[in-house]
Structures are given as structure tokens and as C-alpha cells.
Amino acid sequence: MLMALSVAAPQPGLAAPATASQAGAVPEPDSYRTENYRAPVPATLAGATVIDTGEAHRLWQAGVPFVDTLPHAFRPANLPEGTVWRDTPHDTIRGAVWLANTGYGALDPDTESWFADMLARLSGGRTDRTMVLFCKAECWMSWNAARRAVSLGYSSIHWYPEGVDGWSAANYPMDRAMPLRGAP
């Protein structure tokens, strides 16, 4: 019996999916990553399109919403009066919305609802609206958040695994970011 093997050529600008035979390939898990968030990530995300820096830049130029999912430590409410608190500076892709702490594997109901509301606002209520989710290279936060967006019914989610690291290396525009307020 003859078996035909078809090899799909990667599209320009799209990250080629990894094969099981590639050294160090990370398999796509069946659920959200809940620990060790800074580690190698899969080359795939079911229901989403995985993109590289060139495609991310093309989508950015087209005005597609970009969502940064990097975690952020907010000032604790119970700090003693007079305690100095300094936010950690974070540079992100120019124009991106920073939805901090939405990439954890398990979200409390308020954060999950807030994330869904923010995606609805960014998409204009259209679940078919293209959006790009990212964090840093080798960061599961964006993989989890993109998977969550897909589970919410969004059909045109683009996951950019190189994130701010790939963007910065390409010398594309970045700005100092502040996390979007209103997060639980």
C-alpha cells in the first residue's frame, strides 16, 4: 500500500508548527498551564493561529487589537501607611492593552468575567474579530489567555509566542505600559 505524505509549506509570516520529532518540542497540553509559567511553550494552540514577528507586525499595522497578558503585582491594599510602592516598569507593543494577570491557569470568577468583558470591548462584541495575544518569549501566560479566548468562542485569535521579546528584537515601536485598571 502506498501512503502519500503531504508536507504543508509554512505561509509567510506564520510560525511553522513543530512536529513531534523536533528536538525539545513541547506538546500542547489538554488544559491550562498552572505552574512554571516561564518555560518553553508549544508551537501550537488548538483553535488559534500561531504567528511570528513578521505576521504580528503586519496585523499591528492593520490596526488589529493587541492584548498583553504579562502578570503584574498590584500594590497590596494592606500595606502600612507611608510604605513606598514602586510598580515594575513594563514596555509593551505600542498600542497594546495590558490585561494583567489574565494568563494564569486558574482565574477567580471575577478576573475571568473581567477578561471576557475586556475581550468583548476590544472586539466590539464580535467573536470573529482578529485579536493578537502575547506576553514574553517562553511565557505560558499568553498561551493560557489565548486558549481562554478560544474557549470563550473567539474564532480569530492569533497567539504571538515571541511577544515583547521578539517585537523588541525587531526594533518595532514599544511604549511604557500600565495595566488596564478595573481588574479585580
C-alpha atoms as a PDB file:
ATOM      1  CA  MET A   1       0.000   0.000   0.000  1.00  0.00           C
ATOM      2  CA  LEU A   2       1.348   3.390  -0.923  1.00  0.00           C
ATOM      3  CA  MET A   3       0.943   6.203   1.501  1.00  0.00           C
ATOM      4  CA  ALA A   4       1.148   9.767   0.349  1.00  0.00           C
ATOM      5  CA  LEU A   5       2.693  12.205   2.725  1.00  0.00           C
ATOM      6  CA  SER A   6       1.833  15.812   2.222  1.00  0.00           C
ATOM      7  CA  VAL A   7       4.117  18.440   3.587  1.00  0.00           C
ATOM      8  CA  ALA A   8       2.496  21.804   4.020  1.00  0.00           C
ATOM      9  CA  ALA A   9       4.792  24.711   3.325  1.00  0.00           C
ATOM     10  CA  PRO A  10       4.584  27.354   6.013  1.00  0.00           C
ATOM     11  CA  GLN A  11       2.836  30.550   4.981  1.00  0.00           C
ATOM     12  CA  PRO A  12       4.998  33.663   5.044  1.00  0.00           C
ATOM     13  CA  GLY A  13       4.760  35.356   8.417  1.00  0.00           C
ATOM     14  CA  LEU A  14       3.231  32.382  10.206  1.00  0.00           C
ATOM     15  CA  ALA A  15       5.238  30.312  12.649  1.00  0.00           C
ATOM     16  CA  ALA A  16       5.603  26.774  11.393  1.00  0.00           C
ATOM     17  CA  PRO A  17       4.071  24.188  13.724  1.00  0.00           C
ATOM     18  CA  ALA A  18       6.530  21.914  15.451  1.00  0.00           C
ATOM     19  CA  THR A  19       6.492  18.214  14.764  1.00  0.00           C
ATOM     20  CA  ALA A  20       6.809  15.524  17.417  1.00  0.00           C
ATOM     21  CA  SER A  21      10.189  14.578  16.005  1.00  0.00           C
ATOM     22  CA  GLN A  22      11.702  18.024  16.587  1.00  0.00           C
ATOM     23  CA  ALA A  23      14.189  18.053  19.434  1.00  0.00           C
ATOM     24  CA  GLY A  24      12.781  19.705  22.514  1.00  0.00           C
ATOM     25  CA  ALA A  25       9.271  20.067  21.091  1.00  0.00           C
ATOM     26  CA  VAL A  26       6.759  20.900  23.809  1.00  0.00           C
ATOM     27  CA  PRO A  27       3.478  19.047  23.362  1.00  0.00           C
ATOM     28  CA  GLU A  28       0.277  21.076  23.542  1.00  0.00           C
ATOM     29  CA  PRO A  29      -1.388  20.187  26.850  1.00  0.00           C
ATOM     30  CA  ASP A  30      -5.063  19.308  27.252  1.00  0.00           C
ATOM     31  CA  SER A  31      -5.617  22.025  29.847  1.00  0.00           C
ATOM     32  CA  TYR A  32      -4.203  25.310  31.100  1.00  0.00           C
ATOM     33  CA  ARG A  33      -0.651  25.534  32.438  1.00  0.00           C
ATOM     34  CA  THR A  34      -0.856  26.235  36.194  1.00  0.00           C
ATOM     35  CA  GLU A  35       2.805  26.485  37.233  1.00  0.00           C
ATOM     36  CA  ASN A  36       6.279  27.242  35.904  1.00  0.00           C
ATOM     37  CA  TYR A  37       4.912  29.891  33.536  1.00  0.00           C
ATOM     38  CA  ARG A  38       8.346  30.919  32.211  1.00  0.00           C
ATOM     39  CA  ALA A  39       9.283  27.804  30.279  1.00  0.00           C
ATOM     40  CA  PRO A  40       9.339  26.618  26.677  1.00  0.00           C
ATOM     41  CA  VAL A  41       5.872  26.723  25.113  1.00  0.00           C
ATOM     42  CA  PRO A  42       4.220  24.562  22.442  1.00  0.00           C
ATOM     43  CA  ALA A  43       4.389  25.606  18.798  1.00  0.00           C
ATOM     44  CA  THR A  44       0.631  25.112  18.505  1.00  0.00           C
ATOM     45  CA  LEU A  45      -2.594  26.234  20.109  1.00  0.00           C
ATOM     46  CA  ALA A  46      -5.783  24.463  19.035  1.00  0.00           C
ATOM     47  CA  GLY A  47      -8.354  26.919  17.719  1.00  0.00           C
ATOM     48  CA  ALA A  48      -5.860  29.778  17.358  1.00  0.00           C
ATOM     49  CA  THR A  49      -3.345  30.874  14.739  1.00  0.00           C
ATOM     50  CA  VAL A  50       0.278  30.955  15.872  1.00  0.00           C
ATOM     51  CA  ILE A  51       2.173  33.881  14.375  1.00  0.00           C
ATOM     52  CA  ASP A  52       5.740  35.109  14.222  1.00  0.00           C
ATOM     53  CA  THR A  53       7.077  38.649  14.489  1.00  0.00           C
ATOM     54  CA  GLY A  54       6.601  39.453  10.795  1.00  0.00           C
ATOM     55  CA  GLU A  55       2.931  38.500  10.858  1.00  0.00           C
ATOM     56  CA  ALA A  56       2.429  40.253  14.201  1.00  0.00           C
ATOM     57  CA  HIS A  57       3.816  43.442  12.694  1.00  0.00           C
ATOM     58  CA  ARG A  58       1.551  43.126   9.654  1.00  0.00           C
ATOM     59  CA  LEU A  59      -1.508  42.709  11.908  1.00  0.00           C
ATOM     60  CA  TRP A  60      -0.366  45.618  14.097  1.00  0.00           C
ATOM     61  CA  GLN A  61      -0.074  47.846  11.023  1.00  0.00           C
ATOM     62  CA  ALA A  62      -3.610  46.780  10.065  1.00  0.00           C
ATOM     63  CA  GLY A  63      -4.926  48.029  13.410  1.00  0.00           C
ATOM     64  CA  VAL A  64      -5.733  44.659  14.964  1.00  0.00           C
ATOM     65  CA  PRO A  65      -6.164  44.799  18.769  1.00  0.00           C
ATOM     66  CA  PHE A  66      -3.103  43.523  20.699  1.00  0.00           C
ATOM     67  CA  VAL A  67      -3.516  42.143  24.226  1.00  0.00           C
ATOM     68  CA  ASP A  68      -0.544  41.868  26.591  1.00  0.00           C
ATOM     69  CA  THR A  69      -1.102  39.252  29.307  1.00  0.00           C
ATOM     70  CA  LEU A  70       2.062  39.712  31.377  1.00  0.00           C
ATOM     71  CA  PRO A  71       1.339  39.337  35.098  1.00  0.00           C
ATOM     72  CA  HIS A  72       1.607  42.379  37.340  1.00  0.00           C
ATOM     73  CA  ALA A  73       1.848  42.731  41.107  1.00  0.00           C
ATOM     74  CA  PHE A  74      -0.574  45.441  42.168  1.00  0.00           C
ATOM     75  CA  ARG A  75       0.020  47.451  45.327  1.00  0.00           C
ATOM     76  CA  PRO A  76      -1.317  45.377  48.234  1.00  0.00           C
ATOM     77  CA  ALA A  77      -4.289  47.052  49.908  1.00  0.00           C
ATOM     78  CA  ASN A  78      -2.970  46.285  53.402  1.00  0.00           C
ATOM     79  CA  LEU A  79       0.451  47.989  53.155  1.00  0.00           C
ATOM     80  CA  PRO A  80       1.198  50.156  56.198  1.00  0.00           C
ATOM     81  CA  GLU A  81       0.708  53.868  55.645  1.00  0.00           C
ATOM     82  CA  GLY A  82       3.834  55.526  54.290  1.00  0.00           C
ATOM     83  CA  THR A  83       5.197  52.344  52.680  1.00  0.00           C
ATOM     84  CA  VAL A  84       6.806  53.117  49.348  1.00  0.00           C
ATOM     85  CA  TRP A  85       5.490  51.002  46.469  1.00  0.00           C
ATOM     86  CA  ARG A  86       7.017  51.121  43.027  1.00  0.00           C
ATOM     87  CA  ASP A  87       5.437  49.428  40.059  1.00  0.00           C
ATOM     88  CA  THR A  88       7.828  47.355  38.000  1.00  0.00           C
ATOM     89  CA  PRO A  89       8.265  49.122  34.644  1.00  0.00           C
ATOM     90  CA  HIS A  90       6.990  47.209  31.630  1.00  0.00           C
ATOM     91  CA  ASP A  91       7.417  48.114  27.979  1.00  0.00           C
ATOM     92  CA  THR A  92       4.934  46.606  25.568  1.00  0.00           C
ATOM     93  CA  ILE A  93       3.958  46.746  21.918  1.00  0.00           C
ATOM     94  CA  ARG A  94       2.778  50.255  21.069  1.00  0.00           C
ATOM     95  CA  GLY A  95      -1.000  50.487  21.352  1.00  0.00           C
ATOM     96  CA  ALA A  96      -1.430  47.151  23.136  1.00  0.00           C
ATOM     97  CA  VAL A  97      -3.867  46.815  26.021  1.00  0.00           C
ATOM     98  CA  TRP A  98      -2.286  45.244  29.099  1.00  0.00           C
ATOM     99  CA  LEU A  99      -4.773  42.844  30.692  1.00  0.00           C
ATOM    100  CA  ALA A 100      -2.512  41.857  33.575  1.00  0.00           C
ATOM    101  CA  ASN A 101      -2.923  38.539  35.363  1.00  0.00           C
ATOM    102  CA  THR A 102      -5.342  37.051  32.826  1.00  0.00           C
ATOM    103  CA  GLY A 103      -2.946  34.309  31.762  1.00  0.00           C
ATOM    104  CA  TYR A 104      -2.818  32.269  34.918  1.00  0.00           C
ATOM    105  CA  GLY A 105      -4.025  28.690  34.565  1.00  0.00           C
ATOM    106  CA  ALA A 106      -6.811  29.209  37.077  1.00  0.00           C
ATOM    107  CA  LEU A 107      -8.618  32.534  37.343  1.00  0.00           C
ATOM    108  CA  ASP A 108     -11.017  33.574  40.061  1.00  0.00           C
ATOM    109  CA  PRO A 109     -14.545  34.182  38.722  1.00  0.00           C
ATOM    110  CA  ASP A 110     -14.202  37.989  38.905  1.00  0.00           C
ATOM    111  CA  THR A 111     -10.977  38.016  36.872  1.00  0.00           C
ATOM    112  CA  GLU A 112     -12.389  35.570  34.342  1.00  0.00           C
ATOM    113  CA  SER A 113     -15.506  37.730  33.928  1.00  0.00           C
ATOM    114  CA  TRP A 114     -13.391  40.899  33.628  1.00  0.00           C
ATOM    115  CA  PHE A 115     -11.213  39.229  30.960  1.00  0.00           C
ATOM    116  CA  ALA A 116     -14.316  38.214  28.988  1.00  0.00           C
ATOM    117  CA  ASP A 117     -15.708  41.752  29.273  1.00  0.00           C
ATOM    118  CA  MET A 118     -12.432  43.310  28.105  1.00  0.00           C
ATOM    119  CA  LEU A 119     -12.215  40.971  25.089  1.00  0.00           C
ATOM    120  CA  ALA A 120     -15.811  41.867  24.213  1.00  0.00           C
ATOM    121  CA  ARG A 121     -14.913  45.579  24.348  1.00  0.00           C
ATOM    122  CA  LEU A 122     -11.738  45.142  22.303  1.00  0.00           C
ATOM    123  CA  SER A 123     -13.574  43.088  19.693  1.00  0.00           C
ATOM    124  CA  GLY A 124     -16.599  45.368  19.543  1.00  0.00           C
ATOM    125  CA  GLY A 125     -18.653  42.358  20.613  1.00  0.00           C
ATOM    126  CA  ARG A 126     -17.617  40.365  17.536  1.00  0.00           C
ATOM    127  CA  THR A 127     -16.287  36.902  18.318  1.00  0.00           C
ATOM    128  CA  ASP A 128     -14.871  36.732  14.779  1.00  0.00           C
ATOM    129  CA  ARG A 129     -12.707  39.845  15.267  1.00  0.00           C
ATOM    130  CA  THR A 130      -8.997  39.157  14.913  1.00  0.00           C
ATOM    131  CA  MET A 131      -7.025  39.813  18.104  1.00  0.00           C
ATOM    132  CA  VAL A 132      -3.388  39.118  18.985  1.00  0.00           C
ATOM    133  CA  LEU A 133      -2.486  37.856  22.466  1.00  0.00           C
ATOM    134  CA  PHE A 134       1.088  37.863  23.693  1.00  0.00           C
ATOM    135  CA  CYS A 135       3.409  38.105  26.684  1.00  0.00           C
ATOM    136  CA  LYS A 136       7.139  37.394  26.550  1.00  0.00           C
ATOM    137  CA  ALA A 137       9.061  34.630  24.823  1.00  0.00           C
ATOM    138  CA  GLU A 138       8.656  31.312  26.614  1.00  0.00           C
ATOM    139  CA  CYS A 139       5.722  32.592  28.644  1.00  0.00           C
ATOM    140  CA  TRP A 140       2.685  30.410  29.216  1.00  0.00           C
ATOM    141  CA  MET A 141       0.593  33.420  30.282  1.00  0.00           C
ATOM    142  CA  SER A 142      -0.216  34.306  26.681  1.00  0.00           C
ATOM    143  CA  TRP A 143      -0.800  30.664  25.712  1.00  0.00           C
ATOM    144  CA  ASN A 144      -3.294  30.285  28.577  1.00  0.00           C
ATOM    145  CA  ALA A 145      -5.037  33.595  27.804  1.00  0.00           C
ATOM    146  CA  ALA A 146      -5.290  32.800  24.086  1.00  0.00           C
ATOM    147  CA  ARG A 147      -6.692  29.358  24.903  1.00  0.00           C
ATOM    148  CA  ARG A 148      -9.188  31.012  27.253  1.00  0.00           C
ATOM    149  CA  ALA A 149     -10.240  33.440  24.491  1.00  0.00           C
ATOM    150  CA  VAL A 150     -10.810  30.497  22.156  1.00  0.00           C
ATOM    151  CA  SER A 151     -12.892  28.773  24.857  1.00  0.00           C
ATOM    152  CA  LEU A 152     -15.000  31.946  25.076  1.00  0.00           C
ATOM    153  CA  GLY A 153     -15.907  31.464  21.412  1.00  0.00           C
ATOM    154  CA  TYR A 154     -13.420  33.788  19.704  1.00  0.00           C
ATOM    155  CA  SER A 155     -12.643  32.324  16.297  1.00  0.00           C
ATOM    156  CA  SER A 156      -9.805  34.562  15.103  1.00  0.00           C
ATOM    157  CA  ILE A 157      -7.328  34.566  17.964  1.00  0.00           C
ATOM    158  CA  HIS A 158      -3.699  34.948  16.954  1.00  0.00           C
ATOM    159  CA  TRP A 159      -1.135  33.867  19.526  1.00  0.00           C
ATOM    160  CA  TYR A 160       2.246  35.573  19.293  1.00  0.00           C
ATOM    161  CA  PRO A 161       4.633  33.426  21.374  1.00  0.00           C
ATOM    162  CA  GLU A 162       7.691  35.642  20.780  1.00  0.00           C
ATOM    163  CA  GLY A 163       5.825  38.532  22.393  1.00  0.00           C
ATOM    164  CA  VAL A 164       7.600  41.688  23.517  1.00  0.00           C
ATOM    165  CA  ASP A 165      10.974  39.959  23.233  1.00  0.00           C
ATOM    166  CA  GLY A 166      10.543  39.238  19.509  1.00  0.00           C
ATOM    167  CA  TRP A 167       8.972  42.639  18.891  1.00  0.00           C
ATOM    168  CA  SER A 168      11.780  44.476  20.663  1.00  0.00           C
ATOM    169  CA  ALA A 169      14.470  42.446  18.859  1.00  0.00           C
ATOM    170  CA  ALA A 170      12.933  43.582  15.547  1.00  0.00           C
ATOM    171  CA  ASN A 171      13.130  47.208  16.723  1.00  0.00           C
ATOM    172  CA  TYR A 172       9.390  47.740  16.351  1.00  0.00           C
ATOM    173  CA  PRO A 173       7.680  50.510  18.367  1.00  0.00           C
ATOM    174  CA  MET A 174       7.168  49.971  22.068  1.00  0.00           C
ATOM    175  CA  ASP A 175       5.790  52.117  24.868  1.00  0.00           C
ATOM    176  CA  ARG A 176       5.898  52.077  28.659  1.00  0.00           C
ATOM    177  CA  ALA A 177       2.701  50.355  29.764  1.00  0.00           C
ATOM    178  CA  MET A 178       0.368  50.461  32.701  1.00  0.00           C
ATOM    179  CA  PRO A 179      -2.029  47.597  33.309  1.00  0.00           C
ATOM    180  CA  LEU A 180      -5.612  48.402  32.433  1.00  0.00           C
ATOM    181  CA  ARG A 181      -7.367  49.430  35.611  1.00  0.00           C
ATOM    182  CA  GLY A 182     -10.534  47.750  36.708  1.00  0.00           C
ATOM    183  CA  ALA A 183      -9.020  44.291  37.056  1.00  0.00           C
ATOM    184  CA  PRO A 184     -10.213  42.519  40.191  1.00  0.00           C
END
